C-alpha cells in the first residue's frame, strides 16, 4: 500500500501516517491530499504522527519533498511527531527539520 493515513483517535485531533518499507512520493502526495481534505472537515487543531518501519527505504529527493511538506503543512496542523527507529533516518529528519525553513 505504501502509506496509510487515518485518524488516530475518535476526537480527530491526531492524524497518523503509517509508512510501509517501500513507498513513492506519488503515494505520499495521495496520502497527504487525503489528510488535508480530512483536516479541512474539522474546526480544531490537529497533531500529526509519522510512523516509519525500521527498514524503510527513503525515495530520492527527500530534502526537496520534506522541505515542501513542512512549509505547506495544513494551517490547523500544530505539531508533527516522527516515530523513527532507524538511526540514519532519525538523523536525516533532525537535519532536515533544522534547515527546512532556512534554505531557499
Protein backbone atom coordinates (compact mmCIF):
# COMPACT_ATOMS: atom_id res chain seq x y z
CA UNK A 1 0.00 0.00 0.00
CA UNK A 2 2.88 2.39 0.52
CA UNK A 3 1.38 4.82 3.01
CA UNK A 4 -1.75 4.65 5.11
CA UNK A 5 -3.23 7.78 6.63
CA UNK A 6 -6.10 7.91 9.09
CA UNK A 7 -7.31 9.49 12.30
CA UNK A 8 -5.54 8.06 15.33
CA UNK A 9 -8.33 8.89 17.79
CA UNK A 10 -12.11 9.37 17.79
CA UNK A 11 -11.84 13.07 18.64
CA UNK A 12 -9.99 13.62 15.35
CA UNK A 13 -7.19 15.55 17.00
CA UNK A 14 -4.41 13.22 15.84
CA UNK A 15 -3.74 12.19 12.24
CA UNK A 16 -1.34 9.30 11.64
CA UNK A 17 0.71 8.45 8.56
CA UNK A 18 1.97 4.84 8.59
CA UNK A 19 4.69 4.11 6.04
CA UNK A 20 5.49 0.72 4.57
CA UNK A 21 9.08 -0.30 3.93
CA UNK A 22 8.82 0.81 0.27
CA UNK A 23 6.78 3.80 -0.92
CA UNK A 24 6.90 6.55 -3.52
CA UNK A 25 6.49 10.32 -3.47
CA UNK A 26 3.37 9.88 -5.58
CA UNK A 27 1.87 7.67 -2.84
CA UNK A 28 2.89 10.26 -0.28
CA UNK A 29 1.14 13.05 -2.19
CA UNK A 30 -2.07 10.98 -2.40
CA UNK A 31 -1.94 10.30 1.36
CA UNK A 32 -1.17 13.96 2.06
CA UNK A 33 -4.12 15.12 -0.05
CA UNK A 34 -6.44 12.76 1.87
CA UNK A 35 -5.10 14.10 5.16
CA UNK A 36 -5.55 17.73 4.10
CA UNK A 37 -9.09 17.03 2.89
CA UNK A 38 -9.96 15.33 6.19
CA UNK A 39 -8.41 18.12 8.30
CA UNK A 40 -10.45 20.61 6.27
CA UNK A 41 -13.62 18.99 7.67
CA UNK A 42 -12.86 19.78 11.32
CA UNK A 43 -12.70 23.13 13.14
CA UNK A 44 -9.91 22.35 15.62
CA UNK A 45 -6.14 21.93 15.62
CA UNK A 46 -4.54 18.59 14.77
CA UNK A 47 -1.31 16.85 15.65
CA UNK A 48 0.31 14.55 13.09
CA UNK A 49 2.24 11.36 13.79
CA UNK A 50 4.54 9.92 11.12
CA UNK A 51 5.36 6.25 11.83
CA UNK A 52 8.12 4.53 9.88
CA UNK A 53 9.32 0.92 9.96
CA UNK A 54 12.95 0.32 10.94
CA UNK A 55 13.84 -0.88 7.44
CA UNK A 56 12.12 1.86 5.44
CA UNK A 57 13.72 2.86 2.14
CA UNK A 58 13.56 6.61 1.50
CA UNK A 59 12.98 7.60 -2.15
CA UNK A 60 15.31 10.10 -3.86
CA UNK A 61 14.97 13.88 -3.46
CA UNK A 62 13.98 13.68 0.20
CA UNK A 63 15.24 17.20 1.00
CA UNK A 64 13.04 18.82 -1.63
CA UNK A 65 9.93 16.89 -0.64
CA UNK A 66 10.29 17.21 3.14
CA UNK A 67 11.05 20.91 2.91
CA UNK A 68 7.92 21.40 0.77
CA UNK A 69 5.82 19.32 3.19
CA UNK A 70 6.97 21.31 6.23
CA UNK A 71 6.49 24.67 4.52
CA UNK A 72 3.00 23.84 3.23
CA UNK A 73 1.51 21.92 6.15
CA UNK A 74 -2.17 22.44 6.82
CA UNK A 75 -2.82 25.62 8.89
CA UNK A 76 -4.59 23.51 11.55
CA UNK A 77 -1.55 21.26 11.99
CA UNK A 78 0.12 22.29 15.23
CA UNK A 79 2.76 19.58 15.64
CA UNK A 80 4.35 16.81 13.57
CA UNK A 81 5.90 13.95 15.54
CA UNK A 82 8.14 11.44 13.80
CA UNK A 83 8.30 7.90 15.22
CA UNK A 84 11.54 6.62 13.71
CA UNK A 85 13.74 3.77 14.91
CA UNK A 86 16.35 3.76 12.13
CA UNK A 87 19.31 5.89 13.35
CA UNK A 88 20.22 7.20 9.88
CA UNK A 89 16.65 8.23 9.12
CA UNK A 90 16.32 9.87 12.54
CA UNK A 91 19.46 11.92 11.91
CA UNK A 92 18.19 12.87 8.46
CA UNK A 93 14.87 14.12 9.86
CA UNK A 94 16.58 16.17 12.57
CA UNK A 95 18.84 17.75 9.97
CA UNK A 96 16.00 18.41 7.54
CA UNK A 97 13.87 19.98 10.26
CA UNK A 98 16.67 22.33 11.23
CA UNK A 99 17.26 23.53 7.66
CA UNK A 100 13.74 23.31 6.20
CA UNK A 101 12.86 26.92 6.90
CA UNK A 102 16.29 28.39 6.17
CA UNK A 103 17.04 27.04 2.70
CA UNK A 104 15.66 28.92 -0.31
